Amino acid sequence: MDKIKSFIKLDYITIKPYLSVKNLLIFGCIMVFLTAMSGNLASGLGVGMMLGTIYLGYPFALGEKSNMDALYTTLSVDRKTVVAGRFAFIFLFNLCSIIAALVIAAITLFIAGKLDFNANGVETLVAIVMIAALFAVIQLFQLPVFFRYGYTKAKLLTFMPFIALMVGYFLISGFAGQLFGDLQFILSVGNFLAANQMLIIVLIILAMLLATFISYRISVKAYAKREF
């Protein structure tokens, strides 16, 4: 546990110079703008999770530049510890990003006179969980790729989830009628989701726990095969 804490601290020290006031202000302004335009707490959350996704690659990039992985091997550091430390750091960074985004969004809505926790509370919670899960899936795909190939070789591959999301969105938008035959199926799914929102939240959380475990196991195996 102490070694994992050390890796968390090391990753934070690695990216700290890039968490400049300028960069954070840019992300903060985007959060405020999106929240003010939509009037919803969940709107700025995507920006916070995007921050975590962008900074995810920094420890890999800087570690590769400094040849840290070879140093870990020389010092006989267990590779599982390296992977666990990186996963723990990403989790904590995402958690901080989510909290910061929600606080900024809440303050923005309060100033605008639109903050109402009683209105559409469950719907907002579902949106928050879904947005967080979407970016988490992207990150859980990226982590094993980075561990297997390193930052330089993997950085192009890690854009695949974004491309897949865009392609999937356009396909579903353009061919919804052909895919589902008529609107009845879509309406029935929508009604089911609306009637079982808390169940959807629980299922998403369970799915993310499973996805995290799978991503971690793949990352451990991928990092074990990598040569330095």
Protein backbone atom coordinates (compact mmCIF):
# COMPACT_ATOMS: atom_id res chain seq x y z
CA MET A 1 0.00 0.00 0.00
CA ASP A 2 2.84 2.39 0.83
CA LYS A 3 4.41 1.75 -2.58
CA ILE A 4 1.10 2.46 -4.32
CA LYS A 5 0.81 5.73 -2.37
CA SER A 6 4.33 6.61 -3.51
CA PHE A 7 3.37 6.03 -7.15
CA ILE A 8 0.26 8.19 -6.72
CA LYS A 9 2.41 10.97 -5.32
CA LEU A 10 4.97 10.52 -8.10
CA ASP A 11 2.30 10.76 -10.81
CA TYR A 12 0.92 13.91 -9.21
CA ILE A 13 4.37 15.48 -9.09
CA THR A 14 4.81 14.50 -12.75
CA ILE A 15 1.72 16.33 -14.01
CA LYS A 16 1.68 19.18 -11.48
CA PRO A 17 3.65 21.58 -13.74
CA TYR A 18 0.98 21.10 -16.42
CA LEU A 19 -1.88 21.89 -14.04
CA SER A 20 -1.21 25.58 -14.57
CA VAL A 21 -3.63 28.31 -13.54
CA LYS A 22 -4.09 29.18 -17.22
CA ASN A 23 -5.12 25.64 -18.19
CA LEU A 24 -7.44 25.25 -15.22
CA LEU A 25 -9.06 28.63 -15.94
CA ILE A 26 -9.72 27.59 -19.54
CA PHE A 27 -11.45 24.40 -18.42
CA GLY A 28 -13.29 26.30 -15.69
CA CYS A 29 -14.61 28.89 -18.14
CA ILE A 30 -15.83 26.15 -20.48
CA MET A 31 -17.60 24.46 -17.55
CA VAL A 32 -19.29 27.74 -16.57
CA PHE A 33 -20.37 28.45 -20.16
CA LEU A 34 -21.84 25.00 -20.78
CA THR A 35 -23.61 24.95 -17.41
CA ALA A 36 -25.06 28.43 -17.89
CA MET A 37 -26.28 27.56 -21.39
CA SER A 38 -27.91 24.26 -20.40
CA GLY A 39 -29.00 25.04 -16.85
CA ASN A 40 -28.00 21.52 -15.82
CA LEU A 41 -25.43 20.28 -13.29
CA ALA A 42 -24.31 17.47 -15.57
CA SER A 43 -23.29 19.71 -18.47
CA GLY A 44 -19.96 20.85 -17.06
CA LEU A 45 -19.10 17.36 -15.85
CA GLY A 46 -18.04 16.25 -19.33
CA VAL A 47 -15.40 18.98 -19.32
CA GLY A 48 -14.09 17.78 -15.97
CA MET A 49 -13.87 14.20 -17.21
CA MET A 50 -12.24 15.39 -20.42
CA LEU A 51 -9.59 17.03 -18.24
CA GLY A 52 -8.90 13.67 -16.61
CA THR A 53 -8.78 11.94 -20.00
CA ILE A 54 -6.31 14.46 -21.41
CA TYR A 55 -4.00 14.31 -18.41
CA LEU A 56 -4.16 10.50 -18.27
CA GLY A 57 -1.39 10.19 -20.85
CA TYR A 58 0.99 12.66 -19.20
CA PRO A 59 2.54 10.26 -16.64
CA PHE A 60 3.14 7.75 -19.45
CA ALA A 61 4.67 10.38 -21.73
CA LEU A 62 6.95 11.89 -19.10
CA GLY A 63 7.83 8.48 -17.65
CA GLU A 64 8.84 7.28 -21.11
CA LYS A 65 10.88 10.42 -21.70
CA SER A 66 12.71 9.94 -18.39
CA ASN A 67 13.04 6.17 -18.90
CA MET A 68 11.30 5.57 -15.57
CA ASP A 69 9.99 2.12 -16.54
CA ALA A 70 13.52 0.83 -17.03
CA LEU A 71 14.43 2.30 -13.64
CA TYR A 72 11.53 0.45 -11.98
CA THR A 73 12.83 -2.79 -13.52
CA THR A 74 16.35 -2.08 -12.27
CA LEU A 75 15.02 -1.42 -8.77
CA SER A 76 13.00 -4.68 -8.92
CA VAL A 77 9.71 -2.85 -8.43
CA ASP A 78 6.78 -5.21 -8.97
CA ARG A 79 5.03 -4.25 -12.20
CA LYS A 80 1.66 -4.91 -10.60
CA THR A 81 2.47 -2.16 -8.14
CA VAL A 82 3.19 0.27 -10.97
CA VAL A 83 -0.13 -0.56 -12.64
CA ALA A 84 -2.09 -0.38 -9.38
CA GLY A 85 -0.51 2.97 -8.55
CA ARG A 86 -1.38 4.40 -11.97
CA PHE A 87 -4.98 3.17 -11.75
CA ALA A 88 -5.32 4.61 -8.24
CA PHE A 89 -3.94 7.97 -9.38
CA ILE A 90 -6.32 8.14 -12.36
CA PHE A 91 -9.26 7.28 -10.09
CA LEU A 92 -8.36 10.03 -7.61
CA PHE A 93 -7.72 12.55 -10.38
CA ASN A 94 -11.11 11.77 -11.94
CA LEU A 95 -12.80 12.01 -8.55
CA CYS A 96 -11.28 15.45 -7.93
CA SER A 97 -12.25 16.55 -11.46
CA ILE A 98 -15.85 15.41 -10.94
CA ILE A 99 -16.15 17.16 -7.57
CA ALA A 100 -14.61 20.37 -8.94
CA ALA A 101 -16.88 20.30 -12.01
CA LEU A 102 -20.02 19.77 -9.93
CA VAL A 103 -19.05 22.53 -7.46
CA ILE A 104 -18.38 24.97 -10.31
CA ALA A 105 -21.65 23.97 -11.99
CA ALA A 106 -23.62 24.36 -8.74
CA ILE A 107 -22.13 27.82 -8.09
CA THR A 108 -22.87 28.85 -11.68
CA LEU A 109 -26.51 27.74 -11.42
CA PHE A 110 -26.86 29.39 -7.98
CA ILE A 111 -25.62 32.72 -9.33
CA ALA A 112 -27.94 32.36 -12.33
CA GLY A 113 -30.85 31.56 -10.01
CA LYS A 114 -31.37 28.16 -11.64
CA LEU A 115 -30.16 25.86 -8.87
CA ASP A 116 -32.95 23.52 -7.79
CA PHE A 117 -32.03 20.15 -6.31
CA ASN A 118 -35.68 19.09 -6.18
CA ALA A 119 -36.28 19.48 -9.92
CA ASN A 120 -35.35 16.42 -12.00
CA GLY A 121 -32.95 15.21 -9.30
CA VAL A 122 -32.90 11.57 -10.37
CA GLU A 123 -32.62 12.49 -14.06
CA THR A 124 -29.64 14.72 -13.28
CA LEU A 125 -28.01 11.93 -11.27
CA VAL A 126 -28.51 9.50 -14.16
CA ALA A 127 -26.93 12.02 -16.55
CA ILE A 128 -23.96 12.53 -14.21
CA VAL A 129 -23.37 8.78 -13.86
CA MET A 130 -23.69 8.19 -17.61
CA ILE A 131 -21.26 10.99 -18.53
CA ALA A 132 -18.74 9.80 -15.95
CA ALA A 133 -19.12 6.22 -17.19
CA LEU A 134 -18.66 7.24 -20.82
CA PHE A 135 -15.31 8.92 -20.18
CA ALA A 136 -14.30 6.14 -17.77
CA VAL A 137 -14.80 3.58 -20.55
CA ILE A 138 -12.53 5.62 -22.82
CA GLN A 139 -9.87 5.79 -20.11
CA LEU A 140 -10.18 2.09 -19.30
CA PHE A 141 -9.52 1.34 -22.97
CA GLN A 142 -6.54 3.69 -23.10
CA LEU A 143 -4.73 2.44 -19.99
CA PRO A 144 -3.90 -1.11 -21.21
CA VAL A 145 -2.79 0.30 -24.57
CA PHE A 146 -0.42 2.74 -22.87
CA PHE A 147 0.96 0.02 -20.61
CA ARG A 148 1.53 -2.33 -23.54
CA TYR A 149 3.05 0.00 -26.12
CA GLY A 150 4.15 3.11 -24.26
CA TYR A 151 2.98 6.65 -24.93
CA THR A 152 4.69 7.28 -28.27
CA LYS A 153 3.42 4.14 -30.00
CA ALA A 154 0.00 4.16 -28.35
CA LYS A 155 -1.10 7.79 -28.60
CA LEU A 156 -2.77 7.31 -31.99
CA LEU A 157 -4.51 4.10 -30.89
CA THR A 158 -5.98 5.86 -27.85
CA PHE A 159 -8.03 8.12 -30.13
CA MET A 160 -9.98 5.09 -31.38
CA PRO A 161 -12.74 5.35 -28.72
CA PHE A 162 -13.45 8.96 -29.72
CA ILE A 163 -13.63 7.98 -33.39
CA ALA A 164 -15.85 5.00 -32.55
CA LEU A 165 -18.21 7.24 -30.55
CA MET A 166 -18.53 9.74 -33.39
CA VAL A 167 -19.10 7.02 -36.00
CA GLY A 168 -21.61 5.27 -33.75
CA TYR A 169 -23.48 8.52 -33.12
CA PHE A 170 -23.80 9.32 -36.82
CA LEU A 171 -24.81 5.76 -37.68
CA ILE A 172 -27.50 5.63 -35.02
CA SER A 173 -28.71 9.14 -35.89
CA GLY A 174 -28.81 8.50 -39.61
CA PHE A 175 -30.12 4.95 -39.67
CA ALA A 176 -32.31 4.75 -36.57
CA GLY A 177 -35.36 3.90 -38.65
CA GLN A 178 -33.65 1.05 -40.48
CA LEU A 179 -32.03 -0.25 -37.31
CA PHE A 180 -35.17 -0.37 -35.20
CA GLY A 181 -37.91 -0.70 -37.83
CA ASP A 182 -40.16 1.91 -36.23
CA LEU A 183 -40.26 4.28 -33.28
CA GLN A 184 -42.18 1.86 -31.07
CA PHE A 185 -39.03 0.02 -29.97
CA ILE A 186 -37.24 3.28 -29.16
CA LEU A 187 -40.25 4.54 -27.22
CA SER A 188 -40.52 1.31 -25.22
CA VAL A 189 -36.83 1.47 -24.31
CA GLY A 190 -37.20 5.12 -23.34
CA ASN A 191 -40.20 4.34 -21.15
CA PHE A 192 -38.36 1.48 -19.45
CA LEU A 193 -35.34 3.69 -18.71
CA ALA A 194 -37.57 6.48 -17.39
CA ALA A 195 -39.37 4.06 -15.05
CA ASN A 196 -36.22 2.37 -13.74
CA GLN A 197 -33.68 5.17 -13.35
CA MET A 198 -32.18 4.02 -10.05
CA LEU A 199 -31.79 0.51 -11.47
CA ILE A 200 -29.97 1.99 -14.46
CA ILE A 201 -27.58 3.82 -12.11
CA VAL A 202 -26.83 0.64 -10.15
CA LEU A 203 -26.27 -1.36 -13.34
CA ILE A 204 -23.93 1.29 -14.75
CA ILE A 205 -21.89 1.35 -11.54
CA LEU A 206 -21.63 -2.45 -11.47
CA ALA A 207 -20.66 -2.49 -15.15
CA MET A 208 -17.94 0.10 -14.50
CA LEU A 209 -16.54 -1.92 -11.59
CA LEU A 210 -16.34 -4.96 -13.86
CA ALA A 211 -14.79 -2.90 -16.67
CA THR A 212 -12.21 -1.49 -14.25
CA PHE A 213 -11.26 -4.98 -13.07
CA ILE A 214 -10.93 -6.24 -16.66
CA SER A 215 -8.89 -3.20 -17.71
CA TYR A 216 -6.60 -3.63 -14.70
CA ARG A 217 -6.01 -7.33 -15.41
CA ILE A 218 -5.27 -6.64 -19.08
CA SER A 219 -2.94 -3.78 -18.09
CA VAL A 220 -1.00 -6.03 -15.70
CA LYS A 221 -0.52 -8.67 -18.40
CA ALA A 222 0.32 -6.07 -21.05
CA TYR A 223 2.89 -4.33 -18.86
CA ALA A 224 4.45 -7.67 -17.91
CA LYS A 225 5.11 -8.42 -21.60
CA ARG A 226 6.67 -5.04 -22.32
CA GLU A 227 10.44 -4.87 -22.69
CA PHE A 228 12.58 -1.91 -21.66
